[in-house]
Amino acid sequence: MCGRYTLLSDELDILKEFDVQRIDSYEPNYNIAPGQRVLAVIRNGNDKRAGYLKWGLVPSWANDEKIGYKMINARSETVHQKPSFKTLLKRKRCLIVADSFYEWKKTDKTKQPKRIQLADRKLFAFAGLWDKWEDGDRNLFTCTILTKEANGFMQDIHHRMPIILPKDKEDEWLSPNEMDPTSAHQFLQSIDVDELTAHDVSSYVNAAKNNDKTCIEPLAD
């Protein structure tokens, strides 16, 4: 799964990396948690646009927005089979911008948090889906991160991992054209994750309220 991540990069680097014109009210975040605002890139016609979505998908048909806390991740293996996701796969795909994520490795006595990054790329994007939920005059824009079985590197840490899109696959995922759910599923399953690195960090990161550089500092050997 993916339950915490970071976005610390400079705003200008993000604009350049994802070919977008502006980001309103950008703030770096050392400990992004479910329920918070997350920076995403979507297609606005033929143009790309960066903006904030709430992490935790609330589908347009939902009766209660609290469902979002149960839908921070979506399994890529079955997402094309679920009615709640099929429409989103067709035309509501997004990039969720990040530069590392956290995962907790189980040990005999506790869970050790680790910060995981790409070895050769600072900024990257998770494959995501988004939707708009309406309650009277109130509109809520939310998203979920797609996950898959862990690769060889991640298996030692956790059995699931977020789908990190290779740079040359981002525009295909964001294509303004509709994508058949089966084709979207095949696309997601074909993704090979770039080389990853990881280091232990303090349990300080366990509390979502903690949001400073202590979250990412490597533990001494």
N, C-alpha and C. Protein backbone atom coordinates (compact mmCIF):
# COMPACT_ATOMS: atom_id res chain seq x y z
N MET A 1 0.84 -1.18 0.00
CA MET A 1 0.00 0.00 0.00
C MET A 1 0.88 1.23 0.00
N CYS A 2 0.27 2.38 0.00
CA CYS A 2 1.00 3.64 0.15
C CYS A 2 0.18 4.51 1.08
N GLY A 3 0.72 4.80 2.26
CA GLY A 3 -0.02 5.55 3.25
C GLY A 3 0.62 6.86 3.67
N ARG A 4 1.86 7.09 3.27
CA ARG A 4 2.54 8.36 3.57
C ARG A 4 3.59 8.61 2.49
N TYR A 5 3.81 9.87 2.20
CA TYR A 5 4.89 10.19 1.25
C TYR A 5 5.32 11.64 1.43
N THR A 6 6.29 12.08 0.63
CA THR A 6 6.81 13.44 0.75
C THR A 6 6.77 14.15 -0.59
N LEU A 7 6.77 15.47 -0.52
CA LEU A 7 7.00 16.32 -1.68
C LEU A 7 7.72 17.56 -1.18
N LEU A 8 9.03 17.57 -1.39
CA LEU A 8 9.89 18.62 -0.84
C LEU A 8 10.56 19.45 -1.93
N SER A 9 10.37 19.08 -3.16
CA SER A 9 11.08 19.71 -4.26
C SER A 9 10.70 21.17 -4.45
N ASP A 10 11.59 21.89 -5.08
CA ASP A 10 11.35 23.29 -5.40
C ASP A 10 10.21 23.42 -6.40
N GLU A 11 9.39 24.45 -6.22
CA GLU A 11 8.22 24.63 -7.09
C GLU A 11 8.60 24.74 -8.56
N LEU A 12 9.67 25.46 -8.86
CA LEU A 12 10.09 25.62 -10.25
C LEU A 12 10.50 24.28 -10.86
N ASP A 13 11.12 23.42 -10.07
CA ASP A 13 11.49 22.10 -10.57
C ASP A 13 10.25 21.27 -10.91
N ILE A 14 9.20 21.40 -10.10
CA ILE A 14 7.96 20.67 -10.36
C ILE A 14 7.31 21.17 -11.65
N LEU A 15 7.26 22.50 -11.81
CA LEU A 15 6.67 23.08 -13.01
C LEU A 15 7.39 22.58 -14.27
N LYS A 16 8.70 22.54 -14.19
CA LYS A 16 9.49 22.09 -15.34
C LYS A 16 9.33 20.60 -15.59
N GLU A 17 9.39 19.81 -14.53
CA GLU A 17 9.33 18.35 -14.66
C GLU A 17 8.02 17.88 -15.26
N PHE A 18 6.91 18.54 -14.88
CA PHE A 18 5.60 18.07 -15.33
C PHE A 18 4.95 18.98 -16.38
N ASP A 19 5.72 19.96 -16.85
CA ASP A 19 5.28 20.83 -17.94
C ASP A 19 3.93 21.48 -17.64
N VAL A 20 3.85 22.10 -16.46
CA VAL A 20 2.65 22.84 -16.08
C VAL A 20 3.04 24.29 -15.82
N GLN A 21 2.05 25.18 -15.87
CA GLN A 21 2.32 26.62 -15.83
C GLN A 21 2.36 27.20 -14.43
N ARG A 22 1.56 26.65 -13.52
CA ARG A 22 1.50 27.24 -12.19
C ARG A 22 0.97 26.24 -11.18
N ILE A 23 1.28 26.52 -9.91
CA ILE A 23 0.73 25.77 -8.79
C ILE A 23 0.28 26.80 -7.76
N ASP A 24 -0.98 26.80 -7.43
CA ASP A 24 -1.49 27.75 -6.44
C ASP A 24 -1.15 27.27 -5.02
N SER A 25 -0.53 28.15 -4.24
CA SER A 25 -0.29 27.90 -2.81
C SER A 25 0.53 26.65 -2.56
N TYR A 26 1.62 26.48 -3.32
CA TYR A 26 2.47 25.31 -3.12
C TYR A 26 3.22 25.38 -1.80
N GLU A 27 3.23 24.28 -1.06
CA GLU A 27 4.00 24.17 0.17
C GLU A 27 4.63 22.78 0.24
N PRO A 28 5.95 22.69 0.48
CA PRO A 28 6.58 21.38 0.66
C PRO A 28 5.97 20.66 1.87
N ASN A 29 6.03 19.34 1.85
CA ASN A 29 5.43 18.55 2.92
C ASN A 29 6.29 17.32 3.18
N TYR A 30 6.76 17.16 4.42
CA TYR A 30 7.61 16.04 4.81
C TYR A 30 6.82 14.79 5.18
N ASN A 31 5.51 14.90 5.31
CA ASN A 31 4.75 13.77 5.85
C ASN A 31 3.29 13.86 5.38
N ILE A 32 3.09 13.63 4.09
CA ILE A 32 1.75 13.71 3.51
C ILE A 32 0.95 12.48 3.92
N ALA A 33 -0.23 12.70 4.47
CA ALA A 33 -1.04 11.62 5.02
C ALA A 33 -2.43 11.62 4.40
N PRO A 34 -3.14 10.49 4.46
CA PRO A 34 -4.51 10.44 3.96
C PRO A 34 -5.38 11.53 4.58
N GLY A 35 -6.26 12.08 3.76
CA GLY A 35 -7.13 13.16 4.21
C GLY A 35 -6.56 14.54 3.94
N GLN A 36 -5.26 14.61 3.62
CA GLN A 36 -4.63 15.89 3.34
C GLN A 36 -4.72 16.23 1.85
N ARG A 37 -4.38 17.49 1.54
CA ARG A 37 -4.30 17.92 0.14
C ARG A 37 -3.04 17.34 -0.50
N VAL A 38 -3.19 16.83 -1.72
CA VAL A 38 -2.03 16.30 -2.44
C VAL A 38 -1.96 16.97 -3.81
N LEU A 39 -0.75 17.21 -4.25
CA LEU A 39 -0.55 17.86 -5.54
C LEU A 39 -0.70 16.84 -6.67
N ALA A 40 -1.56 17.13 -7.62
CA ALA A 40 -1.82 16.22 -8.73
C ALA A 40 -1.79 16.98 -10.05
N VAL A 41 -1.55 16.25 -11.12
CA VAL A 41 -1.59 16.80 -12.48
C VAL A 41 -2.67 16.06 -13.23
N ILE A 42 -3.58 16.81 -13.85
CA ILE A 42 -4.65 16.24 -14.65
C ILE A 42 -4.64 16.90 -16.03
N ARG A 43 -5.39 16.31 -16.95
CA ARG A 43 -5.59 16.92 -18.26
C ARG A 43 -6.79 17.84 -18.23
N ASN A 44 -6.60 19.04 -18.76
CA ASN A 44 -7.69 19.98 -18.95
C ASN A 44 -7.80 20.19 -20.45
N GLY A 45 -8.57 19.32 -21.11
CA GLY A 45 -8.54 19.29 -22.57
C GLY A 45 -7.20 18.75 -23.01
N ASN A 46 -6.51 19.49 -23.86
CA ASN A 46 -5.19 19.06 -24.31
C ASN A 46 -4.07 19.58 -23.42
N ASP A 47 -4.41 20.42 -22.46
CA ASP A 47 -3.41 21.01 -21.58
C ASP A 47 -3.35 20.27 -20.25
N LYS A 48 -2.18 20.31 -19.64
CA LYS A 48 -2.01 19.74 -18.30
C LYS A 48 -2.18 20.84 -17.26
N ARG A 49 -2.76 20.47 -16.13
CA ARG A 49 -2.98 21.44 -15.06
C ARG A 49 -2.62 20.81 -13.72
N ALA A 50 -1.91 21.55 -12.90
CA ALA A 50 -1.54 21.09 -11.56
C ALA A 50 -2.45 21.74 -10.53
N GLY A 51 -2.87 20.96 -9.56
CA GLY A 51 -3.72 21.48 -8.50
C GLY A 51 -3.82 20.48 -7.37
N TYR A 52 -4.62 20.81 -6.38
CA TYR A 52 -4.71 19.97 -5.19
C TYR A 52 -6.01 19.17 -5.14
N LEU A 53 -5.85 17.91 -4.75
CA LEU A 53 -6.97 17.00 -4.51
C LEU A 53 -6.86 16.50 -3.08
N LYS A 54 -7.97 16.07 -2.52
CA LYS A 54 -7.93 15.46 -1.20
C LYS A 54 -7.62 13.98 -1.34
N TRP A 55 -6.67 13.49 -0.54
CA TRP A 55 -6.26 12.09 -0.65
C TRP A 55 -7.25 11.19 0.09
N GLY A 56 -7.91 10.35 -0.71
CA GLY A 56 -8.94 9.44 -0.20
C GLY A 56 -10.14 9.59 -1.10
N LEU A 57 -10.30 8.68 -2.05
CA LEU A 57 -11.30 8.83 -3.10
C LEU A 57 -12.73 8.79 -2.56
N VAL A 58 -13.50 9.81 -2.90
CA VAL A 58 -14.93 9.83 -2.64
C VAL A 58 -15.62 9.80 -4.01
N PRO A 59 -16.09 8.64 -4.44
CA PRO A 59 -16.71 8.55 -5.77
C PRO A 59 -17.95 9.44 -5.87
N SER A 60 -18.28 9.84 -7.07
CA SER A 60 -19.41 10.74 -7.28
C SER A 60 -20.72 10.16 -6.78
N TRP A 61 -20.82 8.82 -6.72
CA TRP A 61 -22.07 8.18 -6.31
C TRP A 61 -22.17 7.96 -4.80
N ALA A 62 -21.12 8.26 -4.05
CA ALA A 62 -21.08 7.95 -2.62
C ALA A 62 -22.12 8.76 -1.84
N ASN A 63 -22.68 8.14 -0.81
CA ASN A 63 -23.64 8.82 0.06
C ASN A 63 -22.95 9.62 1.16
N ASP A 64 -21.73 9.22 1.50
CA ASP A 64 -21.03 9.83 2.63
C ASP A 64 -19.57 10.00 2.26
N GLU A 65 -19.04 11.20 2.46
CA GLU A 65 -17.65 11.46 2.11
C GLU A 65 -16.66 10.69 2.98
N LYS A 66 -17.10 10.13 4.10
CA LYS A 66 -16.20 9.37 4.97
C LYS A 66 -15.65 8.13 4.30
N ILE A 67 -16.27 7.72 3.19
CA ILE A 67 -15.76 6.56 2.46
C ILE A 67 -14.34 6.79 1.98
N GLY A 68 -13.95 8.06 1.86
CA GLY A 68 -12.62 8.39 1.36
C GLY A 68 -11.50 7.82 2.19
N TYR A 69 -11.71 7.68 3.51
CA TYR A 69 -10.65 7.16 4.37
C TYR A 69 -10.39 5.68 4.13
N LYS A 70 -11.33 5.01 3.44
CA LYS A 70 -11.15 3.60 3.11
C LYS A 70 -10.61 3.41 1.69
N MET A 71 -10.44 4.52 0.97
CA MET A 71 -10.10 4.43 -0.45
C MET A 71 -8.88 5.30 -0.78
N ILE A 72 -7.86 5.20 0.06
CA ILE A 72 -6.63 5.95 -0.23
C ILE A 72 -5.81 5.24 -1.31
N ASN A 73 -6.00 3.92 -1.42
CA ASN A 73 -5.32 3.12 -2.44
C ASN A 73 -6.34 2.29 -3.21
N ALA A 74 -5.98 1.94 -4.43
CA ALA A 74 -6.80 1.04 -5.25
C ALA A 74 -5.88 -0.01 -5.87
N ARG A 75 -6.27 -1.27 -5.80
CA ARG A 75 -5.46 -2.37 -6.32
C ARG A 75 -5.54 -2.40 -7.84
N SER A 76 -4.40 -2.25 -8.49
CA SER A 76 -4.38 -2.20 -9.95
C SER A 76 -4.81 -3.52 -10.58
N GLU A 77 -4.63 -4.63 -9.85
CA GLU A 77 -4.96 -5.94 -10.40
C GLU A 77 -6.46 -6.12 -10.64
N THR A 78 -7.27 -5.43 -9.87
CA THR A 78 -8.73 -5.63 -9.95
C THR A 78 -9.50 -4.35 -10.26
N VAL A 79 -8.81 -3.23 -10.39
CA VAL A 79 -9.48 -1.94 -10.52
C VAL A 79 -10.39 -1.89 -11.75
N HIS A 80 -10.01 -2.59 -12.82
CA HIS A 80 -10.80 -2.57 -14.06
C HIS A 80 -12.09 -3.38 -13.95
N GLN A 81 -12.20 -4.18 -12.87
CA GLN A 81 -13.37 -5.03 -12.69
C GLN A 81 -14.44 -4.38 -11.82
N LYS A 82 -14.09 -3.33 -11.13
CA LYS A 82 -14.99 -2.71 -10.17
C LYS A 82 -15.76 -1.55 -10.79
N PRO A 83 -17.08 -1.59 -10.73
CA PRO A 83 -17.89 -0.52 -11.34
C PRO A 83 -17.50 0.88 -10.85
N SER A 84 -17.09 0.97 -9.59
CA SER A 84 -16.77 2.29 -9.02
C SER A 84 -15.52 2.91 -9.65
N PHE A 85 -14.69 2.09 -10.30
CA PHE A 85 -13.45 2.60 -10.86
C PHE A 85 -13.44 2.62 -12.39
N LYS A 86 -14.32 1.85 -13.03
CA LYS A 86 -14.25 1.73 -14.49
C LYS A 86 -14.35 3.08 -15.19
N THR A 87 -15.30 3.91 -14.76
CA THR A 87 -15.47 5.22 -15.40
C THR A 87 -14.24 6.09 -15.18
N LEU A 88 -13.65 6.01 -14.00
CA LEU A 88 -12.47 6.82 -13.70
C LEU A 88 -11.28 6.39 -14.54
N LEU A 89 -11.15 5.09 -14.76
CA LEU A 89 -10.06 4.59 -15.62
C LEU A 89 -10.18 5.14 -17.03
N LYS A 90 -11.40 5.35 -17.49
CA LYS A 90 -11.61 5.84 -18.84
C LYS A 90 -11.11 7.26 -19.03
N ARG A 91 -11.42 8.14 -18.06
CA ARG A 91 -11.15 9.56 -18.33
C ARG A 91 -10.77 10.41 -17.11
N LYS A 92 -10.59 9.79 -15.95
CA LYS A 92 -10.20 10.57 -14.77
C LYS A 92 -8.93 9.99 -14.14
N ARG A 93 -7.90 9.93 -14.98
CA ARG A 93 -6.60 9.48 -14.54
C ARG A 93 -5.75 10.70 -14.18
N CYS A 94 -4.88 10.54 -13.21
CA CYS A 94 -4.05 11.68 -12.79
C CYS A 94 -2.66 11.22 -12.38
N LEU A 95 -1.76 12.18 -12.30
CA LEU A 95 -0.42 11.99 -11.74
C LEU A 95 -0.43 12.59 -10.35
N ILE A 96 0.04 11.84 -9.38
CA ILE A 96 0.16 12.36 -8.02
C ILE A 96 1.65 12.56 -7.74
N VAL A 97 2.03 13.81 -7.57
CA VAL A 97 3.44 14.20 -7.56
C VAL A 97 4.09 13.91 -6.21
N ALA A 98 5.29 13.31 -6.25
CA ALA A 98 6.00 12.94 -5.02
C ALA A 98 7.50 12.94 -5.28
N ASP A 99 8.28 12.87 -4.21
CA ASP A 99 9.71 12.64 -4.36
C ASP A 99 10.24 11.56 -3.42
N SER A 100 9.39 10.99 -2.60
CA SER A 100 9.73 9.77 -1.83
C SER A 100 8.44 9.28 -1.18
N PHE A 101 8.47 8.05 -0.69
CA PHE A 101 7.34 7.56 0.09
C PHE A 101 7.87 6.74 1.27
N TYR A 102 7.01 6.59 2.26
CA TYR A 102 7.38 5.83 3.46
C TYR A 102 6.69 4.47 3.45
N GLU A 103 7.38 3.49 3.99
CA GLU A 103 6.77 2.19 4.23
C GLU A 103 7.35 1.63 5.52
N TRP A 104 6.59 0.79 6.19
CA TRP A 104 6.99 0.27 7.49
C TRP A 104 7.31 -1.22 7.37
N LYS A 105 8.55 -1.58 7.66
CA LYS A 105 8.98 -2.97 7.60
C LYS A 105 8.77 -3.64 8.96
N LYS A 106 8.05 -4.76 8.94
CA LYS A 106 7.80 -5.48 10.18
C LYS A 106 9.07 -6.18 10.66
N THR A 107 9.36 -6.04 11.94
CA THR A 107 10.44 -6.77 12.58
C THR A 107 9.83 -7.61 13.69
N ASP A 108 10.67 -8.32 14.42
CA ASP A 108 10.16 -9.17 15.51
C ASP A 108 9.46 -8.36 16.59
N LYS A 109 9.92 -7.14 16.81
CA LYS A 109 9.42 -6.35 17.93
C LYS A 109 8.60 -5.14 17.53
N THR A 110 8.81 -4.64 16.33
CA THR A 110 8.15 -3.37 15.98
C THR A 110 8.06 -3.24 14.46
N LYS A 111 7.71 -2.06 13.98
CA LYS A 111 7.71 -1.75 12.56
C LYS A 111 8.69 -0.61 12.33
N GLN A 112 9.66 -0.83 11.47
CA GLN A 112 10.68 0.17 11.19
C GLN A 112 10.29 1.00 9.97
N PRO A 113 10.06 2.32 10.15
CA PRO A 113 9.74 3.16 8.98
C PRO A 113 10.96 3.37 8.09
N LYS A 114 10.72 3.35 6.80
CA LYS A 114 11.77 3.57 5.81
C LYS A 114 11.32 4.62 4.81
N ARG A 115 12.26 5.42 4.38
CA ARG A 115 11.99 6.38 3.31
C ARG A 115 12.53 5.80 2.01
N ILE A 116 11.69 5.76 0.98
CA ILE A 116 12.04 5.11 -0.27
C ILE A 116 12.02 6.14 -1.39
N GLN A 117 13.09 6.13 -2.20
CA GLN A 117 13.24 7.09 -3.29
C GLN A 117 13.66 6.38 -4.56
N LEU A 118 13.52 7.06 -5.70
CA LEU A 118 14.09 6.57 -6.94
C LEU A 118 15.58 6.83 -6.93
N ALA A 119 16.34 5.88 -7.43
CA ALA A 119 17.79 6.02 -7.42
C ALA A 119 18.27 7.10 -8.38
N ASP A 120 17.60 7.25 -9.52
CA ASP A 120 18.11 8.13 -10.57
C ASP A 120 17.21 9.30 -10.92
N ARG A 121 16.15 9.49 -10.15
CA ARG A 121 15.21 10.58 -10.46
C ARG A 121 14.66 11.15 -9.17
N LYS A 122 14.77 12.46 -9.00
CA LYS A 122 14.32 13.07 -7.76
C LYS A 122 12.80 13.14 -7.69
N LEU A 123 12.18 13.70 -8.71
CA LEU A 123 10.72 13.83 -8.76
C LEU A 123 10.12 12.69 -9.55
N PHE A 124 8.92 12.27 -9.16
CA PHE A 124 8.21 11.23 -9.90
C PHE A 124 6.72 11.38 -9.66
N ALA A 125 5.94 10.49 -10.25
CA ALA A 125 4.49 10.55 -10.09
C ALA A 125 3.93 9.15 -9.86
N PHE A 126 3.02 9.06 -8.89
CA PHE A 126 2.22 7.85 -8.71
C PHE A 126 1.08 7.88 -9.73
N ALA A 127 0.69 6.72 -10.22
CA ALA A 127 -0.52 6.62 -11.03
C ALA A 127 -1.73 6.76 -10.12
N GLY A 128 -2.62 7.66 -10.46
CA GLY A 128 -3.78 7.90 -9.61
C GLY A 128 -5.07 8.03 -10.39
N LEU A 129 -6.19 7.98 -9.67
CA LEU A 129 -7.51 8.24 -10.21
C LEU A 129 -8.16 9.32 -9.36
N TRP A 130 -9.02 10.13 -9.97
CA TRP A 130 -9.67 11.20 -9.22
C TRP A 130 -11.16 11.24 -9.55
N ASP A 131 -11.91 11.94 -8.71
CA ASP A 131 -13.34 12.11 -8.98
C ASP A 131 -13.84 13.37 -8.26
N LYS A 132 -15.02 13.81 -8.69
CA LYS A 132 -15.68 14.97 -8.10
C LYS A 132 -16.95 14.50 -7.39
N TRP A 133 -17.07 14.87 -6.11
CA TRP A 133 -18.25 14.52 -5.31
C TRP A 133 -18.99 15.81 -4.95
N GLU A 134 -20.31 15.78 -5.09
CA GLU A 134 -21.11 16.97 -4.83
C GLU A 134 -22.08 16.74 -3.68
N ASP A 135 -22.18 17.73 -2.82
CA ASP A 135 -23.14 17.71 -1.72
C ASP A 135 -23.80 19.08 -1.67
N GLY A 136 -24.93 19.21 -2.34
CA GLY A 136 -25.54 20.52 -2.47
C GLY A 136 -24.66 21.44 -3.29
N ASP A 137 -24.29 22.58 -2.72
CA ASP A 137 -23.43 23.53 -3.41
C ASP A 137 -21.94 23.24 -3.19
N ARG A 138 -21.63 22.21 -2.43
CA ARG A 138 -20.24 21.89 -2.08
C ARG A 138 -19.68 20.84 -3.03
N ASN A 139 -18.49 21.13 -3.58
CA ASN A 139 -17.79 20.20 -4.45
C ASN A 139 -16.51 19.73 -3.77
N LEU A 140 -16.26 18.44 -3.84
CA LEU A 140 -15.07 17.85 -3.23
C LEU A 140 -14.33 17.05 -4.30
N PHE A 141 -13.06 17.39 -4.52
CA PHE A 141 -12.24 16.71 -5.52
C PHE A 141 -11.24 15.82 -4.79
N THR A 142 -11.28 14.53 -5.07
CA THR A 142 -10.49 13.57 -4.31
C THR A 142 -9.74 12.61 -5.24
N CYS A 143 -8.82 11.83 -4.65
CA CYS A 143 -8.03 10.91 -5.47
C CYS A 143 -7.62 9.67 -4.68
N THR A 144 -7.16 8.68 -5.42
CA THR A 144 -6.59 7.47 -4.84
C THR A 144 -5.32 7.12 -5.58
N ILE A 145 -4.40 6.44 -4.91
CA ILE A 145 -3.14 5.99 -5.50
C ILE A 145 -3.26 4.51 -5.86
N LEU A 146 -2.90 4.17 -7.08
CA LEU A 146 -2.95 2.79 -7.53
C LEU A 146 -1.73 2.02 -7.03
N THR A 147 -1.95 0.78 -6.63
CA THR A 147 -0.87 -0.05 -6.08
C THR A 147 -0.76 -1.37 -6.82
N LYS A 148 0.35 -2.06 -6.61
CA LYS A 148 0.59 -3.36 -7.22
C LYS A 148 1.40 -4.22 -6.26
N GLU A 149 1.59 -5.49 -6.64
CA GLU A 149 2.45 -6.37 -5.86
C GLU A 149 3.86 -5.79 -5.81
N ALA A 150 4.52 -5.95 -4.68
CA ALA A 150 5.87 -5.42 -4.51
C ALA A 150 6.84 -6.07 -5.50
N ASN A 151 7.78 -5.27 -5.98
CA ASN A 151 8.85 -5.83 -6.82
C ASN A 151 9.92 -6.45 -5.93
N GLY A 152 10.99 -6.93 -6.53
CA GLY A 152 12.02 -7.61 -5.77
C GLY A 152 12.61 -6.77 -4.66
N PHE A 153 12.81 -5.48 -4.93
CA PHE A 153 13.39 -4.60 -3.92
C PHE A 153 12.43 -4.41 -2.76
N MET A 154 11.17 -4.17 -3.05
CA MET A 154 10.20 -3.84 -2.01
C MET A 154 9.72 -5.04 -1.21
N GLN A 155 9.86 -6.25 -1.74
CA GLN A 155 9.33 -7.44 -1.05
C GLN A 155 9.90 -7.61 0.35
N ASP A 156 11.12 -7.15 0.55
CA ASP A 156 11.74 -7.25 1.87
C ASP A 156 11.13 -6.26 2.86
N ILE A 157 10.43 -5.26 2.33
CA ILE A 157 9.86 -4.21 3.18
C ILE A 157 8.36 -4.38 3.36
N HIS A 158 7.65 -4.60 2.26
CA HIS A 158 6.19 -4.72 2.29
C HIS A 158 5.74 -5.47 1.05
N HIS A 159 4.58 -6.12 1.11
CA HIS A 159 4.11 -6.93 -0.01
C HIS A 159 3.40 -6.11 -1.09
N ARG A 160 3.10 -4.84 -0.81
CA ARG A 160 2.48 -3.97 -1.80
C ARG A 160 3.32 -2.72 -1.99
N MET A 161 3.11 -2.04 -3.13
CA MET A 161 3.82 -0.79 -3.39
C MET A 161 2.98 0.08 -4.32
N PRO A 162 3.19 1.40 -4.27
CA PRO A 162 2.50 2.28 -5.21
C PRO A 162 3.07 2.11 -6.61
N ILE A 163 2.25 2.38 -7.62
CA ILE A 163 2.74 2.35 -8.99
C ILE A 163 3.39 3.69 -9.31
N ILE A 164 4.69 3.65 -9.53
CA ILE A 164 5.46 4.83 -9.91
C ILE A 164 5.63 4.78 -11.42
N LEU A 165 5.13 5.78 -12.10
CA LEU A 165 5.17 5.79 -13.56
C LEU A 165 6.55 6.18 -14.08
N PRO A 166 7.12 5.40 -14.99
CA PRO A 166 8.33 5.86 -15.68
C PRO A 166 8.05 7.18 -16.38
N LYS A 167 9.07 7.99 -16.53
CA LYS A 167 8.87 9.31 -17.13
C LYS A 167 8.21 9.22 -18.50
N ASP A 168 8.59 8.24 -19.29
CA ASP A 168 8.06 8.15 -20.65
C ASP A 168 6.65 7.56 -20.71
N LYS A 169 6.07 7.21 -19.55
CA LYS A 169 4.71 6.69 -19.50
C LYS A 169 3.71 7.68 -18.91
N GLU A 170 4.20 8.80 -18.38
CA GLU A 170 3.30 9.75 -17.72
C GLU A 170 2.27 10.34 -18.68
N ASP A 171 2.71 10.77 -19.86
CA ASP A 171 1.78 11.38 -20.80
C ASP A 171 0.76 10.37 -21.31
N GLU A 172 1.17 9.11 -21.44
CA GLU A 172 0.22 8.08 -21.88
C GLU A 172 -0.87 7.88 -20.84
N TRP A 173 -0.49 7.89 -19.57
CA TRP A 173 -1.48 7.74 -18.50
C TRP A 173 -2.42 8.96 -18.46
N LEU A 174 -1.88 10.14 -18.79
CA LEU A 174 -2.67 11.37 -18.75
C LEU A 174 -3.38 11.68 -20.07
N SER A 175 -3.27 10.81 -21.03
CA SER A 175 -3.85 11.08 -22.35
C SER A 175 -5.28 11.58 -22.25
N PRO A 176 -5.64 12.61 -23.02
CA PRO A 176 -7.02 13.11 -22.99
C PRO A 176 -8.01 12.14 -23.63
N ASN A 177 -7.51 11.13 -24.33
CA ASN A 177 -8.39 10.15 -24.95
C ASN A 177 -8.89 9.16 -23.91
N GLU A 178 -10.10 8.68 -24.11
CA GLU A 178 -10.63 7.66 -23.22
C GLU A 178 -9.78 6.39 -23.33
N MET A 179 -9.59 5.71 -22.19
CA MET A 179 -8.84 4.48 -22.17
C MET A 179 -9.78 3.36 -21.71
N ASP A 180 -9.91 2.34 -22.53
CA ASP A 180 -10.74 1.20 -22.16
C ASP A 180 -10.22 0.61 -20.84
N PRO A 181 -11.12 0.25 -19.90
CA PRO A 181 -10.67 -0.26 -18.60
C PRO A 181 -9.70 -1.44 -18.70
N THR A 182 -9.95 -2.34 -19.66
CA THR A 182 -9.04 -3.48 -19.82
C THR A 182 -7.68 -3.02 -20.31
N SER A 183 -7.67 -2.06 -21.22
CA SER A 183 -6.40 -1.51 -21.70
C SER A 183 -5.66 -0.79 -20.59
N ALA A 184 -6.41 -0.08 -19.74
CA ALA A 184 -5.80 0.62 -18.61
C ALA A 184 -5.18 -0.39 -17.65
N HIS A 185 -5.88 -1.49 -17.41
CA HIS A 185 -5.36 -2.54 -16.54
C HIS A 185 -4.07 -3.12 -17.12
N GLN A 186 -4.07 -3.40 -18.41
CA GLN A 186 -2.88 -3.95 -19.05
C GLN A 186 -1.71 -2.97 -18.99
N PHE A 187 -2.02 -1.69 -19.17
CA PHE A 187 -0.99 -0.66 -19.07
C PHE A 187 -0.36 -0.67 -17.68
N LEU A 188 -1.19 -0.69 -16.65
CA LEU A 188 -0.68 -0.65 -15.28
C LEU A 188 0.15 -1.87 -14.94
N GLN A 189 -0.27 -3.03 -15.41
CA GLN A 189 0.46 -4.25 -15.11
C GLN A 189 1.79 -4.34 -15.87
N SER A 190 1.92 -3.55 -16.92
CA SER A 190 3.16 -3.57 -17.71
C SER A 190 4.25 -2.67 -17.15
N ILE A 191 3.90 -1.86 -16.16
CA ILE A 191 4.85 -0.88 -15.64
C ILE A 191 5.98 -1.56 -14.86
N ASP A 192 7.19 -1.25 -15.24
CA ASP A 192 8.37 -1.68 -14.49
C ASP A 192 8.90 -0.48 -13.71
N VAL A 193 9.06 -0.65 -12.40
CA VAL A 193 9.50 0.46 -11.56
C VAL A 193 11.01 0.66 -11.70
N ASP A 194 11.42 1.91 -11.79
CA ASP A 194 12.85 2.22 -11.82
C ASP A 194 13.51 1.79 -10.52
N GLU A 195 14.83 1.75 -10.52
CA GLU A 195 15.58 1.31 -9.34
C GLU A 195 15.26 2.20 -8.13
N LEU A 196 15.06 1.54 -6.99
CA LEU A 196 14.73 2.24 -5.76
C LEU A 196 15.85 2.15 -4.75
N THR A 197 15.86 3.11 -3.83
CA THR A 197 16.77 3.07 -2.68
C THR A 197 15.93 3.31 -1.42
N ALA A 198 16.44 2.90 -0.27
CA ALA A 198 15.69 3.09 0.98
C ALA A 198 16.65 3.28 2.15
N HIS A 199 16.20 4.05 3.13
CA HIS A 199 16.96 4.15 4.38
C HIS A 199 15.99 4.25 5.55
N ASP A 200 16.45 3.79 6.71
CA ASP A 200 15.63 3.85 7.92
C ASP A 200 15.48 5.29 8.39
N VAL A 201 14.28 5.61 8.86
CA VAL A 201 14.04 6.91 9.48
C VAL A 201 13.41 6.70 10.85
N SER A 202 13.33 7.76 11.61
CA SER A 202 12.82 7.68 12.97
C SER A 202 11.31 7.41 13.00
N SER A 203 10.86 6.78 14.08
CA SER A 203 9.42 6.57 14.30
C SER A 203 8.69 7.89 14.49
N TYR A 204 9.42 8.99 14.54
CA TYR A 204 8.83 10.34 14.57
C TYR A 204 7.84 10.52 13.43
N VAL A 205 8.13 9.87 12.29
CA VAL A 205 7.27 10.01 11.11
C VAL A 205 5.92 9.31 11.31
N ASN A 206 5.82 8.44 12.30
CA ASN A 206 4.58 7.70 12.51
C ASN A 206 3.38 8.61 12.77
N ALA A 207 3.63 9.74 13.40
CA ALA A 207 2.55 10.69 13.72
C ALA A 207 2.39 11.67 12.57
N ALA A 208 1.22 11.68 11.96
CA ALA A 208 0.98 12.54 10.80
C ALA A 208 1.15 14.02 11.12
N LYS A 209 1.00 14.39 12.40
CA LYS A 209 1.14 15.80 12.79
C LYS A 209 2.58 16.28 12.67
N ASN A 210 3.53 15.34 12.69
CA ASN A 210 4.94 15.72 12.58
C ASN A 210 5.29 15.97 11.13
N ASN A 211 5.78 17.16 10.85
CA ASN A 211 6.01 17.56 9.46
C ASN A 211 7.20 18.50 9.39
N ASP A 212 8.39 17.93 9.53
CA ASP A 212 9.62 18.69 9.42
C ASP A 212 10.75 17.74 9.00
N LYS A 213 11.96 18.26 8.88
CA LYS A 213 13.06 17.47 8.30
C LYS A 213 13.45 16.26 9.14
N THR A 214 13.02 16.22 10.41
CA THR A 214 13.29 15.04 11.24
C THR A 214 12.67 13.80 10.61
N CYS A 215 11.57 13.97 9.89
CA CYS A 215 10.89 12.83 9.26
C CYS A 215 11.78 12.08 8.28
N ILE A 216 12.66 12.79 7.58
CA ILE A 216 13.42 12.17 6.50
C ILE A 216 14.88 11.88 6.86
N GLU A 217 15.32 12.32 8.02
CA GLU A 217 16.72 12.14 8.38
C GLU A 217 17.06 10.67 8.57
N PRO A 218 18.12 10.17 7.91
CA PRO A 218 18.49 8.76 8.06
C PRO A 218 18.91 8.46 9.50
N LEU A 219 18.53 7.30 9.98
CA LEU A 219 19.03 6.86 11.28
C LEU A 219 20.49 6.47 11.19
N ALA A 220 21.23 6.76 12.23
CA ALA A 220 22.63 6.38 12.26
C ALA A 220 22.75 4.87 12.32
N ASP A 221 23.75 4.33 11.62
CA ASP A 221 23.96 2.88 11.64
C ASP A 221 24.40 2.41 13.03
